[in-house]
């Protein structure tokens, strides 16, 4: 089933990651913005703001509700995301 979310990013998406277990999709842009989406509801949950340059890596650290992100500005960030069965909450 095709799912569409519009208006989430102003810049080009350069990386995407999906977590089946958490039912989350994350996207990263060339400007360093990260967006988290609920896959089932096709809704934008939140943005992760810390990077100042292009996102180079996104990885869910299953079984923990944690997202790892890396970027060209040499930053590595860990983000808490929702747990399995947890209601939609901001990170």
PDB file of N, CA and C in Angstrom:
ATOM      1  N   UNK A   1       0.833  -1.177   0.000  1.00  0.00           N
ATOM      2  CA  UNK A   1       0.000   0.000   0.000  1.00  0.00           C
ATOM      3  C   UNK A   1       0.879   1.242   0.000  1.00  0.00           C
ATOM      4  N   UNK A   2       0.641   2.147  -0.901  1.00  0.00           N
ATOM      5  CA  UNK A   2       1.379   3.386  -1.001  1.00  0.00           C
ATOM      6  C   UNK A   2       0.909   4.360   0.076  1.00  0.00           C
ATOM      7  N   UNK A   3       1.865   4.999   0.725  1.00  0.00           N
ATOM      8  CA  UNK A   3       1.544   5.987   1.751  1.00  0.00           C
ATOM      9  C   UNK A   3       2.244   7.288   1.393  1.00  0.00           C
ATOM     10  N   UNK A   4       1.553   8.394   1.554  1.00  0.00           N
ATOM     11  CA  UNK A   4       2.096   9.693   1.182  1.00  0.00           C
ATOM     12  C   UNK A   4       1.942  10.664   2.350  1.00  0.00           C
ATOM     13  N   UNK A   5       3.026  11.375   2.648  1.00  0.00           N
ATOM     14  CA  UNK A   5       3.001  12.469   3.613  1.00  0.00           C
ATOM     15  C   UNK A   5       3.592  13.664   2.886  1.00  0.00           C
ATOM     16  N   UNK A   6       2.891  14.760   2.847  1.00  0.00           N
ATOM     17  CA  UNK A   6       3.377  15.929   2.129  1.00  0.00           C
ATOM     18  C   UNK A   6       3.731  17.049   3.096  1.00  0.00           C
ATOM     19  N   UNK A   7       4.618  17.930   2.639  1.00  0.00           N
ATOM     20  CA  UNK A   7       4.962  19.119   3.400  1.00  0.00           C
ATOM     21  C   UNK A   7       5.872  18.908   4.585  1.00  0.00           C
ATOM     22  N   UNK A   8       6.542  17.784   4.660  1.00  0.00           N
ATOM     23  CA  UNK A   8       7.368  17.516   5.829  1.00  0.00           C
ATOM     24  C   UNK A   8       8.731  18.190   5.738  1.00  0.00           C
ATOM     25  N   UNK A   9       9.358  18.160   4.570  1.00  0.00           N
ATOM     26  CA  UNK A   9      10.695  18.735   4.412  1.00  0.00           C
ATOM     27  C   UNK A   9      10.687  19.851   3.376  1.00  0.00           C
ATOM     28  N   UNK A  10      11.528  20.846   3.591  1.00  0.00           N
ATOM     29  CA  UNK A  10      11.736  21.902   2.610  1.00  0.00           C
ATOM     30  C   UNK A  10      12.916  21.604   1.700  1.00  0.00           C
ATOM     31  N   UNK A  11      13.773  20.674   2.111  1.00  0.00           N
ATOM     32  CA  UNK A  11      14.963  20.315   1.346  1.00  0.00           C
ATOM     33  C   UNK A  11      14.840  18.892   0.806  1.00  0.00           C
ATOM     34  N   UNK A  12      15.809  18.529  -0.042  1.00  0.00           N
ATOM     35  CA  UNK A  12      15.822  17.191  -0.626  1.00  0.00           C
ATOM     36  C   UNK A  12      16.124  16.138   0.428  1.00  0.00           C
ATOM     37  N   UNK A  13      15.375  15.033   0.377  1.00  0.00           N
ATOM     38  CA  UNK A  13      15.625  13.885   1.244  1.00  0.00           C
ATOM     39  C   UNK A  13      16.789  13.099   0.659  1.00  0.00           C
ATOM     40  N   UNK A  14      17.773  12.782   1.488  1.00  0.00           N
ATOM     41  CA  UNK A  14      18.950  12.063   1.010  1.00  0.00           C
ATOM     42  C   UNK A  14      19.072  10.667   1.628  1.00  0.00           C
ATOM     43  N   UNK A  15      18.272  10.377   2.656  1.00  0.00           N
ATOM     44  CA  UNK A  15      18.354   9.067   3.301  1.00  0.00           C
ATOM     45  C   UNK A  15      17.011   8.766   3.974  1.00  0.00           C
ATOM     46  N   UNK A  16      16.681   7.483   4.016  1.00  0.00           N
ATOM     47  CA  UNK A  16      15.429   7.047   4.653  1.00  0.00           C
ATOM     48  C   UNK A  16      15.683   5.732   5.369  1.00  0.00           C
ATOM     49  N   UNK A  17      14.991   5.515   6.475  1.00  0.00           N
ATOM     50  CA  UNK A  17      15.115   4.268   7.232  1.00  0.00           C
ATOM     51  C   UNK A  17      13.734   3.892   7.757  1.00  0.00           C
ATOM     52  N   UNK A  18      13.470   2.602   7.811  1.00  0.00           N
ATOM     53  CA  UNK A  18      12.173   2.090   8.261  1.00  0.00           C
ATOM     54  C   UNK A  18      12.395   1.081   9.379  1.00  0.00           C
ATOM     55  N   UNK A  19      11.567   1.146  10.410  1.00  0.00           N
ATOM     56  CA  UNK A  19      11.568   0.156  11.484  1.00  0.00           C
ATOM     57  C   UNK A  19      10.232  -0.571  11.488  1.00  0.00           C
ATOM     58  N   UNK A  20      10.258  -1.821  11.086  1.00  0.00           N
ATOM     59  CA  UNK A  20       9.051  -2.645  11.092  1.00  0.00           C
ATOM     60  C   UNK A  20       8.532  -2.807  12.514  1.00  0.00           C
ATOM     61  N   UNK A  21       9.434  -3.053  13.453  1.00  0.00           N
ATOM     62  CA  UNK A  21       9.054  -3.306  14.844  1.00  0.00           C
ATOM     63  C   UNK A  21       8.370  -2.101  15.489  1.00  0.00           C
ATOM     64  N   UNK A  22       8.849  -0.907  15.184  1.00  0.00           N
ATOM     65  CA  UNK A  22       8.304   0.313  15.781  1.00  0.00           C
ATOM     66  C   UNK A  22       7.263   0.984  14.896  1.00  0.00           C
ATOM     67  N   UNK A  23       7.113   0.507  13.669  1.00  0.00           N
ATOM     68  CA  UNK A  23       6.199   1.093  12.686  1.00  0.00           C
ATOM     69  C   UNK A  23       6.511   2.574  12.468  1.00  0.00           C
ATOM     70  N   UNK A  24       7.818   2.867  12.325  1.00  0.00           N
ATOM     71  CA  UNK A  24       8.279   4.231  12.118  1.00  0.00           C
ATOM     72  C   UNK A  24       9.110   4.326  10.844  1.00  0.00           C
ATOM     73  N   UNK A  25       9.025   5.466  10.195  1.00  0.00           N
ATOM     74  CA  UNK A  25       9.896   5.813   9.079  1.00  0.00           C
ATOM     75  C   UNK A  25      10.598   7.103   9.463  1.00  0.00           C
ATOM     76  N   UNK A  26      11.903   7.180   9.195  1.00  0.00           N
ATOM     77  CA  UNK A  26      12.634   8.434   9.401  1.00  0.00           C
ATOM     78  C   UNK A  26      13.286   8.838   8.090  1.00  0.00           C
ATOM     79  N   UNK A  27      13.326  10.135   7.860  1.00  0.00           N
ATOM     80  CA  UNK A  27      13.980  10.665   6.674  1.00  0.00           C
ATOM     81  C   UNK A  27      14.957  11.744   7.099  1.00  0.00           C
ATOM     82  N   UNK A  28      16.063  11.842   6.360  1.00  0.00           N
ATOM     83  CA  UNK A  28      17.060  12.870   6.614  1.00  0.00           C
ATOM     84  C   UNK A  28      17.292  13.683   5.359  1.00  0.00           C
ATOM     85  N   UNK A  29      17.609  14.957   5.531  1.00  0.00           N
ATOM     86  CA  UNK A  29      17.768  15.857   4.392  1.00  0.00           C
ATOM     87  C   UNK A  29      19.204  16.333   4.225  1.00  0.00           C
ATOM     88  N   UNK A  30      19.441  17.010   3.112  1.00  0.00           N
ATOM     89  CA  UNK A  30      20.759  17.563   2.825  1.00  0.00           C
ATOM     90  C   UNK A  30      21.109  18.711   3.771  1.00  0.00           C
ATOM     91  N   UNK A  31      20.112  19.315   4.410  1.00  0.00           N
ATOM     92  CA  UNK A  31      20.375  20.411   5.350  1.00  0.00           C
ATOM     93  C   UNK A  31      20.510  19.947   6.802  1.00  0.00           C
ATOM     94  N   UNK A  32      20.326  18.641   7.062  1.00  0.00           N
ATOM     95  CA  UNK A  32      20.502  18.105   8.407  1.00  0.00           C
ATOM     96  C   UNK A  32      19.236  17.900   9.205  1.00  0.00           C
ATOM     97  N   UNK A  33      18.097  18.065   8.580  1.00  0.00           N
ATOM     98  CA  UNK A  33      16.820  17.866   9.274  1.00  0.00           C
ATOM     99  C   UNK A  33      16.412  16.388   9.223  1.00  0.00           C
ATOM    100  N   UNK A  34      15.864  15.903  10.329  1.00  0.00           N
ATOM    101  CA  UNK A  34      15.367  14.529  10.417  1.00  0.00           C
ATOM    102  C   UNK A  34      13.896  14.585  10.798  1.00  0.00           C
ATOM    103  N   UNK A  35      13.072  13.834  10.079  1.00  0.00           N
ATOM    104  CA  UNK A  35      11.644  13.766  10.379  1.00  0.00           C
ATOM    105  C   UNK A  35      11.266  12.332  10.710  1.00  0.00           C
ATOM    106  N   UNK A  36      10.365  12.176  11.680  1.00  0.00           N
ATOM    107  CA  UNK A  36       9.888  10.852  12.096  1.00  0.00           C
ATOM    108  C   UNK A  36       8.404  10.757  11.773  1.00  0.00           C
ATOM    109  N   UNK A  37       8.028   9.646  11.129  1.00  0.00           N
ATOM    110  CA  UNK A  37       6.646   9.434  10.696  1.00  0.00           C
ATOM    111  C   UNK A  37       6.089   8.138  11.266  1.00  0.00           C
ATOM    112  N   UNK A  38       4.812   8.146  11.566  1.00  0.00           N
ATOM    113  CA  UNK A  38       4.083   6.927  11.897  1.00  0.00           C
ATOM    114  C   UNK A  38       3.708   6.262  10.580  1.00  0.00           C
ATOM    115  N   UNK A  39       4.189   5.055  10.360  1.00  0.00           N
ATOM    116  CA  UNK A  39       3.943   4.357   9.099  1.00  0.00           C
ATOM    117  C   UNK A  39       2.475   3.995   8.930  1.00  0.00           C
ATOM    118  N   UNK A  40       1.850   3.472   9.972  1.00  0.00           N
ATOM    119  CA  UNK A  40       0.457   3.022   9.877  1.00  0.00           C
ATOM    120  C   UNK A  40      -0.518   4.165   9.620  1.00  0.00           C
ATOM    121  N   UNK A  41      -0.289   5.305  10.258  1.00  0.00           N
ATOM    122  CA  UNK A  41      -1.223   6.432  10.141  1.00  0.00           C
ATOM    123  C   UNK A  41      -0.795   7.477   9.116  1.00  0.00           C
ATOM    124  N   UNK A  42       0.391   7.268   8.530  1.00  0.00           N
ATOM    125  CA  UNK A  42       0.934   8.216   7.541  1.00  0.00           C
ATOM    126  C   UNK A  42       0.942   9.647   8.066  1.00  0.00           C
ATOM    127  N   UNK A  43       1.417   9.799   9.298  1.00  0.00           N
ATOM    128  CA  UNK A  43       1.461  11.127   9.901  1.00  0.00           C
ATOM    129  C   UNK A  43       2.869  11.476  10.354  1.00  0.00           C
ATOM    130  N   UNK A  44       3.181  12.757  10.280  1.00  0.00           N
ATOM    131  CA  UNK A  44       4.443  13.265  10.776  1.00  0.00           C
ATOM    132  C   UNK A  44       4.352  13.366  12.294  1.00  0.00           C
ATOM    133  N   UNK A  45       5.304  12.760  13.006  1.00  0.00           N
ATOM    134  CA  UNK A  45       5.294  12.795  14.471  1.00  0.00           C
ATOM    135  C   UNK A  45       6.127  13.944  15.026  1.00  0.00           C
ATOM    136  N   UNK A  46       7.342  14.093  14.476  1.00  0.00           N
ATOM    137  CA  UNK A  46       8.223  15.115  15.039  1.00  0.00           C
ATOM    138  C   UNK A  46       9.451  15.283  14.162  1.00  0.00           C
ATOM    139  N   UNK A  47      10.218  16.343  14.473  1.00  0.00           N
ATOM    140  CA  UNK A  47      11.499  16.596  13.834  1.00  0.00           C
ATOM    141  C   UNK A  47      12.604  16.455  14.875  1.00  0.00           C
ATOM    142  N   UNK A  48      13.755  15.984  14.442  1.00  0.00           N
ATOM    143  CA  UNK A  48      14.953  15.926  15.281  1.00  0.00           C
ATOM    144  C   UNK A  48      15.905  16.985  14.743  1.00  0.00           C
ATOM    145  N   UNK A  49      16.252  17.940  15.584  1.00  0.00           N
ATOM    146  CA  UNK A  49      17.084  19.053  15.144  1.00  0.00           C
ATOM    147  C   UNK A  49      18.365  19.073  15.970  1.00  0.00           C
ATOM    148  N   UNK A  50      19.491  18.847  15.324  1.00  0.00           N
ATOM    149  CA  UNK A  50      20.793  18.940  15.972  1.00  0.00           C
ATOM    150  C   UNK A  50      21.900  19.052  14.937  1.00  0.00           C
ATOM    151  N   UNK A  51      21.708  18.473  13.772  1.00  0.00           N
ATOM    152  CA  UNK A  51      22.731  18.458  12.732  1.00  0.00           C
ATOM    153  C   UNK A  51      22.691  19.751  11.917  1.00  0.00           C
ATOM    154  N   UNK A  52      23.877  20.170  11.469  1.00  0.00           N
ATOM    155  CA  UNK A  52      23.998  21.372  10.654  1.00  0.00           C
ATOM    156  C   UNK A  52      24.384  21.072   9.211  1.00  0.00           C
ATOM    157  N   UNK A  53      24.469  19.784   8.867  1.00  0.00           N
ATOM    158  CA  UNK A  53      24.875  19.395   7.517  1.00  0.00           C
ATOM    159  C   UNK A  53      24.133  18.122   7.115  1.00  0.00           C
ATOM    160  N   UNK A  54      24.381  17.660   5.918  1.00  0.00           N
ATOM    161  CA  UNK A  54      23.669  16.518   5.347  1.00  0.00           C
ATOM    162  C   UNK A  54      23.703  15.281   6.232  1.00  0.00           C
ATOM    163  N   UNK A  55      22.541  14.649   6.386  1.00  0.00           N
ATOM    164  CA  UNK A  55      22.439  13.401   7.147  1.00  0.00           C
ATOM    165  C   UNK A  55      23.062  12.285   6.318  1.00  0.00           C
ATOM    166  N   UNK A  56      23.984  11.546   6.920  1.00  0.00           N
ATOM    167  CA  UNK A  56      24.682  10.471   6.208  1.00  0.00           C
ATOM    168  C   UNK A  56      24.278   9.083   6.692  1.00  0.00           C
ATOM    169  N   UNK A  57      23.672   9.001   7.866  1.00  0.00           N
ATOM    170  CA  UNK A  57      23.268   7.699   8.381  1.00  0.00           C
ATOM    171  C   UNK A  57      22.104   7.798   9.337  1.00  0.00           C
ATOM    172  N   UNK A  58      21.198   6.828   9.228  1.00  0.00           N
ATOM    173  CA  UNK A  58      20.065   6.675  10.152  1.00  0.00           C
ATOM    174  C   UNK A  58      19.947   5.193  10.447  1.00  0.00           C
ATOM    175  N   UNK A  59      19.865   4.853  11.730  1.00  0.00           N
ATOM    176  CA  UNK A  59      19.776   3.440  12.093  1.00  0.00           C
ATOM    177  C   UNK A  59      19.007   3.287  13.402  1.00  0.00           C
ATOM    178  N   UNK A  60      17.983   2.422  13.380  1.00  0.00           N
ATOM    179  CA  UNK A  60      17.255   2.091  14.607  1.00  0.00           C
ATOM    180  C   UNK A  60      18.050   1.050  15.380  1.00  0.00           C
ATOM    181  N   UNK A  61      18.212   1.248  16.679  1.00  0.00           N
ATOM    182  CA  UNK A  61      18.984   0.343  17.528  1.00  0.00           C
ATOM    183  C   UNK A  61      18.052  -0.633  18.234  1.00  0.00           C
ATOM    184  N   UNK A  62      17.367  -1.442  17.450  1.00  0.00           N
ATOM    185  CA  UNK A  62      16.433  -2.435  17.965  1.00  0.00           C
ATOM    186  C   UNK A  62      17.189  -3.428  18.827  1.00  0.00           C
ATOM    187  N   UNK A  63      16.706  -3.824  20.000  1.00  0.00           N
ATOM    188  CA  UNK A  63      15.344  -3.741  20.497  1.00  0.00           C
ATOM    189  C   UNK A  63      15.047  -2.491  21.324  1.00  0.00           C
ATOM    190  N   UNK A  64      15.938  -1.524  21.317  1.00  0.00           N
ATOM    191  CA  UNK A  64      15.723  -0.300  22.092  1.00  0.00           C
ATOM    192  C   UNK A  64      14.996   0.744  21.231  1.00  0.00           C
ATOM    193  N   UNK A  65      14.194   1.603  21.844  1.00  0.00           N
ATOM    194  CA  UNK A  65      13.510   2.648  21.080  1.00  0.00           C
ATOM    195  C   UNK A  65      14.434   3.846  20.842  1.00  0.00           C
ATOM    196  N   UNK A  66      15.533   3.574  20.130  1.00  0.00           N
ATOM    197  CA  UNK A  66      16.558   4.591  19.917  1.00  0.00           C
ATOM    198  C   UNK A  66      16.903   4.664  18.431  1.00  0.00           C
ATOM    199  N   UNK A  67      17.078   5.886  17.950  1.00  0.00           N
ATOM    200  CA  UNK A  67      17.516   6.147  16.594  1.00  0.00           C
ATOM    201  C   UNK A  67      18.902   6.777  16.655  1.00  0.00           C
ATOM    202  N   UNK A  68      19.831   6.263  15.853  1.00  0.00           N
ATOM    203  CA  UNK A  68      21.172   6.820  15.734  1.00  0.00           C
ATOM    204  C   UNK A  68      21.233   7.598  14.427  1.00  0.00           C
ATOM    205  N   UNK A  69      21.772   8.811  14.467  1.00  0.00           N
ATOM    206  CA  UNK A  69      21.936   9.600  13.247  1.00  0.00           C
ATOM    207  C   UNK A  69      23.361  10.129  13.169  1.00  0.00           C
ATOM    208  N   UNK A  70      23.865  10.220  11.932  1.00  0.00           N
ATOM    209  CA  UNK A  70      25.192  10.789  11.677  1.00  0.00           C
ATOM    210  C   UNK A  70      25.060  11.789  10.535  1.00  0.00           C
ATOM    211  N   UNK A  71      26.033  12.710  10.469  1.00  0.00           N
ATOM    212  CA  UNK A  71      25.965  13.734   9.428  1.00  0.00           C
ATOM    213  C   UNK A  71      27.362  14.170   9.012  1.00  0.00           C
ATOM    214  N   UNK A  72      27.415  14.937   7.916  1.00  0.00           N
ATOM    215  CA  UNK A  72      28.684  15.436   7.393  1.00  0.00           C
ATOM    216  C   UNK A  72      29.362  16.433   8.323  1.00  0.00           C
ATOM    217  N   UNK A  73      28.642  16.968   9.301  1.00  0.00           N
ATOM    218  CA  UNK A  73      29.252  17.879  10.268  1.00  0.00           C
ATOM    219  C   UNK A  73      29.936  17.133  11.412  1.00  0.00           C
ATOM    220  N   UNK A  74      30.116  15.805  11.230  1.00  0.00           N
ATOM    221  CA  UNK A  74      30.836  14.941  12.182  1.00  0.00           C
ATOM    222  C   UNK A  74      30.100  14.728  13.492  1.00  0.00           C
ATOM    223  N   UNK A  75      28.812  14.962  13.516  1.00  0.00           N
ATOM    224  CA  UNK A  75      28.031  14.715  14.719  1.00  0.00           C
ATOM    225  C   UNK A  75      27.400  13.330  14.663  1.00  0.00           C
ATOM    226  N   UNK A  76      27.324  12.700  15.820  1.00  0.00           N
ATOM    227  CA  UNK A  76      26.590  11.452  16.015  1.00  0.00           C
ATOM    228  C   UNK A  76      25.570  11.723  17.111  1.00  0.00           C
ATOM    229  N   UNK A  77      24.291  11.474  16.816  1.00  0.00           N
ATOM    230  CA  UNK A  77      23.240  11.765  17.795  1.00  0.00           C
ATOM    231  C   UNK A  77      22.416  10.514  18.063  1.00  0.00           C
ATOM    232  N   UNK A  78      21.977  10.368  19.300  1.00  0.00           N
ATOM    233  CA  UNK A  78      21.044   9.318  19.691  1.00  0.00           C
ATOM    234  C   UNK A  78      19.731   9.989  20.058  1.00  0.00           C
ATOM    235  N   UNK A  79      18.639   9.442  19.524  1.00  0.00           N
ATOM    236  CA  UNK A  79      17.312   9.999  19.746  1.00  0.00           C
ATOM    237  C   UNK A  79      16.409   8.931  20.338  1.00  0.00           C
ATOM    238  N   UNK A  80      15.639   9.296  21.358  1.00  0.00           N
ATOM    239  CA  UNK A  80      14.637   8.384  21.900  1.00  0.00           C
ATOM    240  C   UNK A  80      13.401   8.490  21.031  1.00  0.00           C
ATOM    241  N   UNK A  81      12.919   7.358  20.554  1.00  0.00           N
ATOM    242  CA  UNK A  81      11.679   7.311  19.788  1.00  0.00           C
ATOM    243  C   UNK A  81      10.681   6.475  20.563  1.00  0.00           C
ATOM    244  N   UNK A  82       9.468   6.380  20.078  1.00  0.00           N
ATOM    245  CA  UNK A  82       8.442   5.635  20.810  1.00  0.00           C
ATOM    246  C   UNK A  82       8.768   4.149  20.856  1.00  0.00           C
ATOM    247  N   UNK A  83       8.338   3.501  21.918  1.00  0.00           N
ATOM    248  CA  UNK A  83       8.519   2.065  22.081  1.00  0.00           C
ATOM    249  C   UNK A  83       7.406   1.310  21.368  1.00  0.00           C
ATOM    250  N   UNK A  84       7.556   0.014  21.247  1.00  0.00           N
ATOM    251  CA  UNK A  84       6.521  -0.813  20.648  1.00  0.00           C
ATOM    252  C   UNK A  84       5.245  -0.675  21.465  1.00  0.00           C
ATOM    253  N   UNK A  85       4.133  -0.377  20.808  1.00  0.00           N
ATOM    254  CA  UNK A  85       2.843  -0.245  21.486  1.00  0.00           C
ATOM    255  C   UNK A  85       2.625   1.094  22.160  1.00  0.00           C
ATOM    256  N   UNK A  86       3.635   1.939  22.207  1.00  0.00           N
ATOM    257  CA  UNK A  86       3.512   3.251  22.828  1.00  0.00           C
ATOM    258  C   UNK A  86       2.732   4.184  21.907  1.00  0.00           C
ATOM    259  N   UNK A  87       1.924   5.013  22.483  1.00  0.00           N
ATOM    260  CA  UNK A  87       1.141   5.975  21.703  1.00  0.00           C
ATOM    261  C   UNK A  87       2.075   6.973  21.018  1.00  0.00           C
ATOM    262  N   UNK A  88       1.586   7.653  20.022  1.00  0.00           N
ATOM    263  CA  UNK A  88       2.368   8.652  19.317  1.00  0.00           C
ATOM    264  C   UNK A  88       2.771   9.755  20.285  1.00  0.00           C
ATOM    265  N   UNK A  89       4.074   9.925  20.469  1.00  0.00           N
ATOM    266  CA  UNK A  89       4.606  10.971  21.325  1.00  0.00           C
ATOM    267  C   UNK A  89       5.777  11.588  20.626  1.00  0.00           C
ATOM    268  N   UNK A  90       6.072  12.804  20.979  1.00  0.00           N
ATOM    269  CA  UNK A  90       7.234  13.442  20.398  1.00  0.00           C
ATOM    270  C   UNK A  90       8.495  12.822  20.966  1.00  0.00           C
ATOM    271  N   UNK A  91       9.570  12.954  20.217  1.00  0.00           N
ATOM    272  CA  UNK A  91      10.838  12.387  20.665  1.00  0.00           C
ATOM    273  C   UNK A  91      11.613  13.399  21.472  1.00  0.00           C
TER     274      UNK A  91
END
